[in-house]
Amino acid sequence: MSKPQTYLTAALYKFVDLPDFVELKAPLLAYCDQHDVKGTLLLAHEGINGTIAGPEQGVRAVLAFLRADPRLSKLPHKESWSDKPPFNRMKVKLKKEIVTLRVPELDPNKTVGQYVKPADWNALLADPDVMVIDTRNDYEVAIGTFKGAINPNIKNFVQLPAWLDAQDNLQGEAAKKTKVAMFCTGGIRCEKSTALLKMRGIDEVYHLEGGILKYLEEISPEQSAWQGECFVFDERVSVDHSLNVGSHELCRSCRWPLSETDKQSPHYVLGVSCAHCHDQRTPEQKAHMAERQRQVELADARGEAHVGAKMPTY
């Protein structure tokens, strides 16, 4: 059956030794531009990570270009579709890590937890002896997660090691008796977090292979243990169980995903603030956001995409 959506999105990552990652940037960016593909790709010594979108032929050409490198010949990716472009520009960034955890001695290329196929994930969730941890940020967990999963309530991934340090059953002798399963959006954060637990001496560590996106792709809603929508880091904001564009809208001030109920708050001002950030912005900052929103609306009226300046970070 042909898909009515125009834009193919491909989420990808692979931990692999890329000592020449700096030299890979220019030809990769040029190839993406040549094929009208947009998004963000991160390159580091430890591998590649990112999401790209565009016409199907262009996205598949970029995937083939990447896999032409023998080190990336088995690069996996996850697909979804949309009728609007998820990205406004193409960026290839050079990084110290393709997902930042700031544990220099950690190497997911050497050891990670046991991969669990989506088809086997429900059984792990149902095991009362398994500690299931959602490794994503608080705003991601807020709109959807697996039933019974533990939410560490972290603002960003670099806070996860400190949270793990505070869990008594993950320390000393108790850790040897603890079973841990971790999951994230696409699998990359779990690669590092399970590697961290293995490095700390926890033997039984599992993670969802391909992440939530692969689970939603392979498991029917009738058999699913997923509740809500899945946050994605592009203009779609979230996807539903069928990987179609979800119902959330991004607050352009704090980037919190907002439901229709959230937008009923008196503190919600389109493009300016929401209930999560209204008291954290100065009048000057709100004025700046209001002007940016005005420019967006003017661009929309002209039928243009407003890419403008980078989103402010307050």
C-alpha atoms as a PDB file:
ATOM      1  CA  MET A   1       0.000   0.000   0.000  1.00  0.00           C
ATOM      2  CA  SER A   2       1.429   3.367  -0.979  1.00  0.00           C
ATOM      3  CA  LYS A   3       1.950   5.897   1.781  1.00  0.00           C
ATOM      4  CA  PRO A   4       0.219   9.267   1.390  1.00  0.00           C
ATOM      5  CA  GLN A   5       2.898  11.062   3.404  1.00  0.00           C
ATOM      6  CA  THR A   6       5.605  12.822   1.455  1.00  0.00           C
ATOM      7  CA  TYR A   7       8.547  12.902   3.864  1.00  0.00           C
ATOM      8  CA  LEU A   8      10.499   9.883   5.049  1.00  0.00           C
ATOM      9  CA  THR A   9      12.256  10.217   8.412  1.00  0.00           C
ATOM     10  CA  ALA A  10      15.150   7.916   9.289  1.00  0.00           C
ATOM     11  CA  ALA A  11      16.534   7.739  12.831  1.00  0.00           C
ATOM     12  CA  LEU A  12      19.957   6.106  13.026  1.00  0.00           C
ATOM     13  CA  TYR A  13      22.968   5.535  15.231  1.00  0.00           C
ATOM     14  CA  LYS A  14      25.931   3.223  15.550  1.00  0.00           C
ATOM     15  CA  PHE A  15      28.793   3.035  18.003  1.00  0.00           C
ATOM     16  CA  VAL A  16      31.866   2.365  15.881  1.00  0.00           C
ATOM     17  CA  ASP A  17      35.459   3.579  15.865  1.00  0.00           C
ATOM     18  CA  LEU A  18      35.679   6.613  13.546  1.00  0.00           C
ATOM     19  CA  PRO A  19      39.108   8.216  14.100  1.00  0.00           C
ATOM     20  CA  ASP A  20      38.649  10.235  10.877  1.00  0.00           C
ATOM     21  CA  PHE A  21      35.229  11.623  11.852  1.00  0.00           C
ATOM     22  CA  VAL A  22      36.324  15.235  11.252  1.00  0.00           C
ATOM     23  CA  GLU A  23      37.099  14.482   7.599  1.00  0.00           C
ATOM     24  CA  LEU A  24      33.716  12.791   7.134  1.00  0.00           C
ATOM     25  CA  LYS A  25      31.724  15.962   7.829  1.00  0.00           C
ATOM     26  CA  ALA A  26      32.100  17.944   4.596  1.00  0.00           C
ATOM     27  CA  PRO A  27      31.320  15.168   2.071  1.00  0.00           C
ATOM     28  CA  LEU A  28      28.384  13.957   4.188  1.00  0.00           C
ATOM     29  CA  LEU A  29      26.871  17.434   4.436  1.00  0.00           C
ATOM     30  CA  ALA A  30      27.331  18.012   0.712  1.00  0.00           C
ATOM     31  CA  TYR A  31      25.662  14.700  -0.142  1.00  0.00           C
ATOM     32  CA  CYS A  32      22.672  15.454   2.094  1.00  0.00           C
ATOM     33  CA  ASP A  33      22.284  18.907   0.526  1.00  0.00           C
ATOM     34  CA  GLN A  34      22.553  17.403  -2.946  1.00  0.00           C
ATOM     35  CA  HIS A  35      19.628  15.081  -2.202  1.00  0.00           C
ATOM     36  CA  ASP A  36      17.436  17.655  -0.417  1.00  0.00           C
ATOM     37  CA  VAL A  37      17.772  15.819   2.895  1.00  0.00           C
ATOM     38  CA  LYS A  38      17.557  17.780   6.142  1.00  0.00           C
ATOM     39  CA  GLY A  39      18.045  16.980   9.813  1.00  0.00           C
ATOM     40  CA  THR A  40      20.938  16.619  12.214  1.00  0.00           C
ATOM     41  CA  LEU A  41      23.771  14.086  12.222  1.00  0.00           C
ATOM     42  CA  LEU A  42      26.395  13.904  14.961  1.00  0.00           C
ATOM     43  CA  LEU A  43      29.867  12.525  14.270  1.00  0.00           C
ATOM     44  CA  ALA A  44      32.397  11.581  16.945  1.00  0.00           C
ATOM     45  CA  HIS A  45      35.299   9.209  17.413  1.00  0.00           C
ATOM     46  CA  GLU A  46      32.813   6.775  18.975  1.00  0.00           C
ATOM     47  CA  GLY A  47      30.355   6.728  16.026  1.00  0.00           C
ATOM     48  CA  ILE A  48      27.365   8.411  14.391  1.00  0.00           C
ATOM     49  CA  ASN A  49      23.929   9.447  15.632  1.00  0.00           C
ATOM     50  CA  GLY A  50      21.043  11.480  14.279  1.00  0.00           C
ATOM     51  CA  THR A  51      17.810  11.821  12.354  1.00  0.00           C
ATOM     52  CA  ILE A  52      17.328  12.865   8.737  1.00  0.00           C
ATOM     53  CA  ALA A  53      14.233  13.462   6.644  1.00  0.00           C
ATOM     54  CA  GLY A  54      13.257  14.332   3.103  1.00  0.00           C
ATOM     55  CA  PRO A  55      12.009  12.747  -0.110  1.00  0.00           C
ATOM     56  CA  GLU A  56      12.193   8.957   0.124  1.00  0.00           C
ATOM     57  CA  GLN A  57      14.678   8.670  -2.740  1.00  0.00           C
ATOM     58  CA  GLY A  58      16.957  11.245  -1.135  1.00  0.00           C
ATOM     59  CA  VAL A  59      16.907   9.688   2.339  1.00  0.00           C
ATOM     60  CA  ARG A  60      17.617   6.231   0.943  1.00  0.00           C
ATOM     61  CA  ALA A  61      20.488   7.661  -1.094  1.00  0.00           C
ATOM     62  CA  VAL A  62      22.061   9.158   2.042  1.00  0.00           C
ATOM     63  CA  LEU A  63      21.648   5.866   3.922  1.00  0.00           C
ATOM     64  CA  ALA A  64      23.369   4.062   1.052  1.00  0.00           C
ATOM     65  CA  PHE A  65      26.134   6.691   1.057  1.00  0.00           C
ATOM     66  CA  LEU A  66      26.756   6.082   4.761  1.00  0.00           C
ATOM     67  CA  ARG A  67      26.688   2.293   4.392  1.00  0.00           C
ATOM     68  CA  ALA A  68      29.231   2.464   1.594  1.00  0.00           C
ATOM     69  CA  ASP A  69      31.767   3.018   4.383  1.00  0.00           C
ATOM     70  CA  PRO A  70      32.639  -0.558   5.495  1.00  0.00           C
ATOM     71  CA  ARG A  71      32.534   0.544   9.132  1.00  0.00           C
ATOM     72  CA  LEU A  72      28.893   1.577   8.683  1.00  0.00           C
ATOM     73  CA  SER A  73      27.813  -1.229   6.357  1.00  0.00           C
ATOM     74  CA  LYS A  74      25.412  -2.581   8.998  1.00  0.00           C
ATOM     75  CA  LEU A  75      24.118   0.813  10.126  1.00  0.00           C
ATOM     76  CA  PRO A  76      20.530   0.254  11.344  1.00  0.00           C
ATOM     77  CA  HIS A  77      17.764   2.813  11.004  1.00  0.00           C
ATOM     78  CA  LYS A  78      14.096   3.254  11.925  1.00  0.00           C
ATOM     79  CA  GLU A  79      11.534   4.788   9.593  1.00  0.00           C
ATOM     80  CA  SER A  80       8.428   6.943   9.919  1.00  0.00           C
ATOM     81  CA  TRP A  81       6.478   9.221   7.584  1.00  0.00           C
ATOM     82  CA  SER A  82       4.938  12.673   7.705  1.00  0.00           C
ATOM     83  CA  ASP A  83       3.188  15.071   5.343  1.00  0.00           C
ATOM     84  CA  LYS A  84       5.250  18.077   6.480  1.00  0.00           C
ATOM     85  CA  PRO A  85       9.055  18.450   6.592  1.00  0.00           C
ATOM     86  CA  PRO A  86      10.291  17.572  10.107  1.00  0.00           C
ATOM     87  CA  PHE A  87      13.426  19.744   9.719  1.00  0.00           C
ATOM     88  CA  ASN A  88      14.200  23.140   8.245  1.00  0.00           C
ATOM     89  CA  ARG A  89      17.925  22.739   7.635  1.00  0.00           C
ATOM     90  CA  MET A  90      20.698  20.145   7.467  1.00  0.00           C
ATOM     91  CA  LYS A  91      23.427  20.091  10.109  1.00  0.00           C
ATOM     92  CA  VAL A  92      26.388  17.757  10.558  1.00  0.00           C
ATOM     93  CA  LYS A  93      28.048  18.384  13.914  1.00  0.00           C
ATOM     94  CA  LEU A  94      31.368  17.208  15.309  1.00  0.00           C
ATOM     95  CA  LYS A  95      31.110  16.052  18.921  1.00  0.00           C
ATOM     96  CA  LYS A  96      33.128  14.480  21.717  1.00  0.00           C
ATOM     97  CA  GLU A  97      30.289  11.971  22.176  1.00  0.00           C
ATOM     98  CA  ILE A  98      27.352  11.051  19.939  1.00  0.00           C
ATOM     99  CA  VAL A  99      25.227  11.006  23.087  1.00  0.00           C
ATOM    100  CA  THR A 100      26.658  12.942  26.003  1.00  0.00           C
ATOM    101  CA  LEU A 101      27.101  11.141  29.330  1.00  0.00           C
ATOM    102  CA  ARG A 102      30.531  12.490  30.380  1.00  0.00           C
ATOM    103  CA  VAL A 103      31.984   9.198  31.598  1.00  0.00           C
ATOM    104  CA  PRO A 104      35.272   9.199  29.635  1.00  0.00           C
ATOM    105  CA  GLU A 105      36.253   5.617  30.439  1.00  0.00           C
ATOM    106  CA  LEU A 106      32.986   4.214  29.086  1.00  0.00           C
ATOM    107  CA  ASP A 107      33.096   2.377  25.743  1.00  0.00           C
ATOM    108  CA  PRO A 108      29.835   0.872  24.418  1.00  0.00           C
ATOM    109  CA  ASN A 109      31.863  -0.753  21.642  1.00  0.00           C
ATOM    110  CA  LYS A 110      33.334  -3.076  24.267  1.00  0.00           C
ATOM    111  CA  THR A 111      30.405  -3.988  26.504  1.00  0.00           C
ATOM    112  CA  VAL A 112      26.680  -3.233  26.714  1.00  0.00           C
ATOM    113  CA  GLY A 113      23.614  -4.861  28.202  1.00  0.00           C
ATOM    114  CA  GLN A 114      21.787  -7.740  26.554  1.00  0.00           C
ATOM    115  CA  TYR A 115      19.629  -6.673  23.615  1.00  0.00           C
ATOM    116  CA  VAL A 116      15.949  -7.523  23.936  1.00  0.00           C
ATOM    117  CA  LYS A 117      13.844  -7.738  20.782  1.00  0.00           C
ATOM    118  CA  PRO A 118      10.573  -5.790  20.796  1.00  0.00           C
ATOM    119  CA  ALA A 119       8.684  -9.090  20.627  1.00  0.00           C
ATOM    120  CA  ASP A 120      10.279 -10.175  23.932  1.00  0.00           C
ATOM    121  CA  TRP A 121      10.063  -6.828  25.742  1.00  0.00           C
ATOM    122  CA  ASN A 122       6.583  -7.320  27.231  1.00  0.00           C
ATOM    123  CA  ALA A 123       7.725 -10.434  29.086  1.00  0.00           C
ATOM    124  CA  LEU A 124      10.540  -8.459  30.668  1.00  0.00           C
ATOM    125  CA  LEU A 125       8.148  -5.686  31.687  1.00  0.00           C
ATOM    126  CA  ALA A 126       5.897  -8.249  33.356  1.00  0.00           C
ATOM    127  CA  ASP A 127       8.731  -9.757  35.430  1.00  0.00           C
ATOM    128  CA  PRO A 128       8.390  -8.380  39.001  1.00  0.00           C
ATOM    129  CA  ASP A 129      12.087  -9.022  39.638  1.00  0.00           C
ATOM    130  CA  VAL A 130      13.208  -6.631  36.883  1.00  0.00           C
ATOM    131  CA  MET A 131      13.817  -2.930  37.553  1.00  0.00           C
ATOM    132  CA  VAL A 132      12.674  -1.179  34.345  1.00  0.00           C
ATOM    133  CA  ILE A 133      14.147   2.324  33.921  1.00  0.00           C
ATOM    134  CA  ASP A 134      13.142   4.987  31.415  1.00  0.00           C
ATOM    135  CA  THR A 135      16.437   6.743  30.623  1.00  0.00           C
ATOM    136  CA  ARG A 136      14.864   9.710  28.832  1.00  0.00           C
ATOM    137  CA  ASN A 137      14.413  13.303  30.003  1.00  0.00           C
ATOM    138  CA  ASP A 138      11.450  14.322  32.158  1.00  0.00           C
ATOM    139  CA  TYR A 139       9.609  16.140  29.351  1.00  0.00           C
ATOM    140  CA  GLU A 140       9.829  13.020  27.178  1.00  0.00           C
ATOM    141  CA  VAL A 141       8.507  10.714  29.864  1.00  0.00           C
ATOM    142  CA  ALA A 142       5.665  13.168  30.598  1.00  0.00           C
ATOM    143  CA  ILE A 143       3.821  12.344  27.384  1.00  0.00           C
ATOM    144  CA  GLY A 144       4.365   8.585  27.228  1.00  0.00           C
ATOM    145  CA  THR A 145       6.205   5.610  28.692  1.00  0.00           C
ATOM    146  CA  PHE A 146       5.887   1.873  29.325  1.00  0.00           C
ATOM    147  CA  LYS A 147       3.472   0.747  32.000  1.00  0.00           C
ATOM    148  CA  GLY A 148       5.300   0.252  35.312  1.00  0.00           C
ATOM    149  CA  ALA A 149       8.576   1.890  34.211  1.00  0.00           C
ATOM    150  CA  ILE A 150      10.586   3.966  36.685  1.00  0.00           C
ATOM    151  CA  ASN A 151      10.971   7.656  35.830  1.00  0.00           C
ATOM    152  CA  PRO A 152      14.293   9.086  37.149  1.00  0.00           C
ATOM    153  CA  ASN A 153      12.958  12.632  36.612  1.00  0.00           C
ATOM    154  CA  ILE A 154      16.160  13.863  34.989  1.00  0.00           C
ATOM    155  CA  LYS A 155      16.450  17.091  33.006  1.00  0.00           C
ATOM    156  CA  ASN A 156      19.106  15.634  30.714  1.00  0.00           C
ATOM    157  CA  PHE A 157      21.005  12.408  30.165  1.00  0.00           C
ATOM    158  CA  VAL A 158      24.160  13.534  31.982  1.00  0.00           C
ATOM    159  CA  GLN A 159      22.155  13.473  35.243  1.00  0.00           C
ATOM    160  CA  LEU A 160      21.480   9.735  34.965  1.00  0.00           C
ATOM    161  CA  PRO A 161      24.749   8.511  36.589  1.00  0.00           C
ATOM    162  CA  ALA A 162      24.020  10.574  39.718  1.00  0.00           C
ATOM    163  CA  TRP A 163      20.480   9.161  39.875  1.00  0.00           C
ATOM    164  CA  LEU A 164      21.859   5.634  39.560  1.00  0.00           C
ATOM    165  CA  ASP A 165      24.310   6.409  42.380  1.00  0.00           C
ATOM    166  CA  ALA A 166      21.349   7.213  44.645  1.00  0.00           C
ATOM    167  CA  GLN A 167      19.627   3.838  44.138  1.00  0.00           C
ATOM    168  CA  ASP A 168      20.489   1.504  47.030  1.00  0.00           C
ATOM    169  CA  ASN A 169      19.756  -1.661  45.070  1.00  0.00           C
ATOM    170  CA  LEU A 170      22.336  -0.666  42.449  1.00  0.00           C
ATOM    171  CA  GLN A 171      25.195  -0.386  44.930  1.00  0.00           C
ATOM    172  CA  GLY A 172      27.623  -2.944  46.374  1.00  0.00           C
ATOM    173  CA  GLU A 173      26.422  -6.479  47.051  1.00  0.00           C
ATOM    174  CA  ALA A 174      22.784  -5.561  46.383  1.00  0.00           C
ATOM    175  CA  ALA A 175      23.660  -4.696  42.786  1.00  0.00           C
ATOM    176  CA  LYS A 176      24.761  -8.259  42.099  1.00  0.00           C
ATOM    177  CA  LYS A 177      21.209  -9.470  42.753  1.00  0.00           C
ATOM    178  CA  THR A 178      19.448  -6.745  40.766  1.00  0.00           C
ATOM    179  CA  LYS A 179      18.083  -7.183  37.255  1.00  0.00           C
ATOM    180  CA  VAL A 180      17.813  -3.958  35.260  1.00  0.00           C
ATOM    181  CA  ALA A 181      16.113  -3.227  31.946  1.00  0.00           C
ATOM    182  CA  MET A 182      16.493   0.162  30.268  1.00  0.00           C
ATOM    183  CA  PHE A 183      14.860   1.823  27.296  1.00  0.00           C
ATOM    184  CA  CYS A 184      14.961   5.109  25.380  1.00  0.00           C
ATOM    185  CA  THR A 185      13.661   6.563  22.117  1.00  0.00           C
ATOM    186  CA  GLY A 186      15.924   4.881  19.597  1.00  0.00           C
ATOM    187  CA  GLY A 187      18.291   2.763  21.682  1.00  0.00           C
ATOM    188  CA  ILE A 188      21.404   4.937  21.818  1.00  0.00           C
ATOM    189  CA  ARG A 189      21.056   6.223  25.385  1.00  0.00           C
ATOM    190  CA  CYS A 190      20.484   2.653  26.536  1.00  0.00           C
ATOM    191  CA  GLU A 191      23.718   1.538  24.909  1.00  0.00           C
ATOM    192  CA  LYS A 192      25.629   3.917  27.160  1.00  0.00           C
ATOM    193  CA  SER A 193      23.538   3.510  30.293  1.00  0.00           C
ATOM    194  CA  THR A 194      23.655  -0.284  30.221  1.00  0.00           C
ATOM    195  CA  ALA A 195      27.392  -0.132  29.469  1.00  0.00           C
ATOM    196  CA  LEU A 196      27.719   2.060  32.557  1.00  0.00           C
ATOM    197  CA  LEU A 197      25.910  -0.465  34.751  1.00  0.00           C
ATOM    198  CA  LYS A 198      28.009  -3.316  33.351  1.00  0.00           C
ATOM    199  CA  MET A 199      31.132  -1.288  34.113  1.00  0.00           C
ATOM    200  CA  ARG A 200      29.866  -0.900  37.681  1.00  0.00           C
ATOM    201  CA  GLY A 201      29.531  -4.652  38.122  1.00  0.00           C
ATOM    202  CA  ILE A 202      25.828  -5.269  37.496  1.00  0.00           C
ATOM    203  CA  ASP A 203      25.600  -8.471  35.481  1.00  0.00           C
ATOM    204  CA  GLU A 204      21.952  -8.785  34.475  1.00  0.00           C
ATOM    205  CA  VAL A 205      21.363  -5.681  32.381  1.00  0.00           C
ATOM    206  CA  TYR A 206      18.992  -5.544  29.419  1.00  0.00           C
ATOM    207  CA  HIS A 207      17.876  -2.917  26.957  1.00  0.00           C
ATOM    208  CA  LEU A 208      15.196  -2.606  24.298  1.00  0.00           C
ATOM    209  CA  GLU A 209      16.840  -3.110  20.917  1.00  0.00           C
ATOM    210  CA  GLY A 210      15.921  -0.271  18.573  1.00  0.00           C
ATOM    211  CA  GLY A 211      14.246   1.635  21.384  1.00  0.00           C
ATOM    212  CA  ILE A 212      10.648   2.754  21.646  1.00  0.00           C
ATOM    213  CA  LEU A 213      10.457   3.595  17.940  1.00  0.00           C
ATOM    214  CA  LYS A 214      11.277   0.025  16.918  1.00  0.00           C
ATOM    215  CA  TYR A 215       8.806  -1.319  19.491  1.00  0.00           C
ATOM    216  CA  LEU A 216       6.011   0.867  18.091  1.00  0.00           C
ATOM    217  CA  GLU A 217       6.956  -0.209  14.577  1.00  0.00           C
ATOM    218  CA  GLU A 218       6.787  -3.937  15.336  1.00  0.00           C
ATOM    219  CA  ILE A 219       4.218  -4.381  18.128  1.00  0.00           C
ATOM    220  CA  SER A 220       0.511  -3.941  17.424  1.00  0.00           C
ATOM    221  CA  PRO A 221      -1.483  -1.561  19.650  1.00  0.00           C
ATOM    222  CA  GLU A 222      -3.516  -4.534  20.874  1.00  0.00           C
ATOM    223  CA  GLN A 223      -0.385  -6.250  22.202  1.00  0.00           C
ATOM    224  CA  SER A 224       1.384  -3.089  23.340  1.00  0.00           C
ATOM    225  CA  ALA A 225       2.468  -2.088  26.843  1.00  0.00           C
ATOM    226  CA  TRP A 226       3.203   1.455  25.648  1.00  0.00           C
ATOM    227  CA  GLN A 227       1.071   4.266  27.046  1.00  0.00           C
ATOM    228  CA  GLY A 228       0.796   7.700  25.417  1.00  0.00           C
ATOM    229  CA  GLU A 229       2.918   9.191  22.656  1.00  0.00           C
ATOM    230  CA  CYS A 230       6.655   9.155  21.988  1.00  0.00           C
ATOM    231  CA  PHE A 231       8.586  12.436  21.949  1.00  0.00           C
ATOM    232  CA  VAL A 232      10.838  12.941  18.924  1.00  0.00           C
ATOM    233  CA  PHE A 233      13.473  15.634  18.439  1.00  0.00           C
ATOM    234  CA  ASP A 234      12.070  17.307  15.350  1.00  0.00           C
ATOM    235  CA  GLU A 235       9.123  19.422  14.235  1.00  0.00           C
ATOM    236  CA  ARG A 236       6.702  16.499  14.582  1.00  0.00           C
ATOM    237  CA  VAL A 237       7.231  16.790  18.377  1.00  0.00           C
ATOM    238  CA  SER A 238       5.674  13.371  19.040  1.00  0.00           C
ATOM    239  CA  VAL A 239       4.464  10.259  17.249  1.00  0.00           C
ATOM    240  CA  ASP A 240       1.578   7.961  18.126  1.00  0.00           C
ATOM    241  CA  HIS A 241       1.591   4.169  18.255  1.00  0.00           C
ATOM    242  CA  SER A 242       1.312   3.993  14.453  1.00  0.00           C
ATOM    243  CA  LEU A 243       4.318   6.342  14.127  1.00  0.00           C
ATOM    244  CA  ASN A 244       2.070   9.037  12.710  1.00  0.00           C
ATOM    245  CA  VAL A 245       2.487  12.638  13.846  1.00  0.00           C
ATOM    246  CA  GLY A 246       1.175  12.947  17.395  1.00  0.00           C
ATOM    247  CA  SER A 247      -1.032  15.499  19.124  1.00  0.00           C
ATOM    248  CA  HIS A 248       1.596  17.548  20.961  1.00  0.00           C
ATOM    249  CA  GLU A 249       2.945  21.002  20.175  1.00  0.00           C
ATOM    250  CA  LEU A 250       6.326  22.288  21.295  1.00  0.00           C
ATOM    251  CA  CYS A 251       6.607  25.264  23.627  1.00  0.00           C
ATOM    252  CA  ARG A 252       9.060  27.466  21.755  1.00  0.00           C
ATOM    253  CA  SER A 253      10.377  28.919  24.985  1.00  0.00           C
ATOM    254  CA  CYS A 254      11.225  25.818  27.037  1.00  0.00           C
ATOM    255  CA  ARG A 255      10.663  23.018  24.483  1.00  0.00           C
ATOM    256  CA  TRP A 256       8.160  21.196  26.702  1.00  0.00           C
ATOM    257  CA  PRO A 257       5.698  19.101  24.630  1.00  0.00           C
ATOM    258  CA  LEU A 258       2.218  20.531  25.173  1.00  0.00           C
ATOM    259  CA  SER A 259      -1.093  18.686  24.935  1.00  0.00           C
ATOM    260  CA  GLU A 260      -4.379  20.387  24.076  1.00  0.00           C
ATOM    261  CA  THR A 261      -5.105  20.514  27.813  1.00  0.00           C
ATOM    262  CA  ASP A 262      -1.744  22.205  28.477  1.00  0.00           C
ATOM    263  CA  LYS A 263      -2.630  24.879  25.951  1.00  0.00           C
ATOM    264  CA  GLN A 264      -5.734  25.774  27.936  1.00  0.00           C
ATOM    265  CA  SER A 265      -3.506  27.143  30.725  1.00  0.00           C
ATOM    266  CA  PRO A 266      -3.700  30.938  31.224  1.00  0.00           C
ATOM    267  CA  HIS A 267       0.115  30.872  31.165  1.00  0.00           C
ATOM    268  CA  TYR A 268       0.226  29.522  27.620  1.00  0.00           C
ATOM    269  CA  VAL A 269       1.072  32.127  25.000  1.00  0.00           C
ATOM    270  CA  LEU A 270       1.823  30.755  21.540  1.00  0.00           C
ATOM    271  CA  GLY A 271       5.556  30.958  20.875  1.00  0.00           C
ATOM    272  CA  VAL A 272       6.234  32.727  24.177  1.00  0.00           C
ATOM    273  CA  SER A 273       5.511  30.670  27.295  1.00  0.00           C
ATOM    274  CA  CYS A 274       3.622  27.805  28.902  1.00  0.00           C
ATOM    275  CA  ALA A 275       2.752  26.664  32.417  1.00  0.00           C
ATOM    276  CA  HIS A 276       6.205  25.068  32.726  1.00  0.00           C
ATOM    277  CA  CYS A 277       8.237  28.196  31.998  1.00  0.00           C
ATOM    278  CA  HIS A 278       6.093  31.335  32.340  1.00  0.00           C
ATOM    279  CA  ASP A 279       7.649  32.286  35.693  1.00  0.00           C
ATOM    280  CA  GLN A 280      11.197  31.545  34.510  1.00  0.00           C
ATOM    281  CA  ARG A 281      11.318  34.206  31.781  1.00  0.00           C
ATOM    282  CA  THR A 282      12.038  37.908  32.161  1.00  0.00           C
ATOM    283  CA  PRO A 283       9.833  40.472  30.387  1.00  0.00           C
ATOM    284  CA  GLU A 284      12.714  41.050  27.975  1.00  0.00           C
ATOM    285  CA  GLN A 285      12.947  37.363  27.144  1.00  0.00           C
ATOM    286  CA  LYS A 286       9.195  37.129  26.604  1.00  0.00           C
ATOM    287  CA  ALA A 287       9.312  40.168  24.328  1.00  0.00           C
ATOM    288  CA  HIS A 288      12.083  38.498  22.311  1.00  0.00           C
ATOM    289  CA  MET A 289      10.026  35.314  21.957  1.00  0.00           C
ATOM    290  CA  ALA A 290       6.919  37.302  21.009  1.00  0.00           C
ATOM    291  CA  GLU A 291       8.824  39.040  18.224  1.00  0.00           C
ATOM    292  CA  ARG A 292      10.162  35.719  16.978  1.00  0.00           C
ATOM    293  CA  GLN A 293       6.607  34.331  16.912  1.00  0.00           C
ATOM    294  CA  ARG A 294       5.457  37.399  14.966  1.00  0.00           C
ATOM    295  CA  GLN A 295       8.156  36.746  12.369  1.00  0.00           C
ATOM    296  CA  VAL A 296       7.095  33.092  12.147  1.00  0.00           C
ATOM    297  CA  GLU A 297       3.483  34.110  11.494  1.00  0.00           C
ATOM    298  CA  LEU A 298       4.541  36.640   8.862  1.00  0.00           C
ATOM    299  CA  ALA A 299       6.618  33.950   7.121  1.00  0.00           C
ATOM    300  CA  ASP A 300       3.657  31.555   7.251  1.00  0.00           C
ATOM    301  CA  ALA A 301       1.414  34.186   5.687  1.00  0.00           C
ATOM    302  CA  ARG A 302       3.919  34.503   2.825  1.00  0.00           C
ATOM    303  CA  GLY A 303       4.054  30.737   2.442  1.00  0.00           C
ATOM    304  CA  GLU A 304       7.682  30.615   3.562  1.00  0.00           C
ATOM    305  CA  ALA A 305       9.438  28.499   6.154  1.00  0.00           C
ATOM    306  CA  HIS A 306      10.813  30.610   8.967  1.00  0.00           C
ATOM    307  CA  VAL A 307      14.140  29.151  10.018  1.00  0.00           C
ATOM    308  CA  GLY A 308      15.356  32.321  11.703  1.00  0.00           C
ATOM    309  CA  ALA A 309      17.837  32.343  14.526  1.00  0.00           C
ATOM    310  CA  LYS A 310      18.507  29.394  16.758  1.00  0.00           C
ATOM    311  CA  MET A 311      16.026  28.739  19.512  1.00  0.00           C
ATOM    312  CA  PRO A 312      17.088  30.718  22.597  1.00  0.00           C
ATOM    313  CA  THR A 313      18.333  28.775  25.595  1.00  0.00           C
ATOM    314  CA  TYR A 314      17.215  30.286  28.874  1.00  0.00           C
END
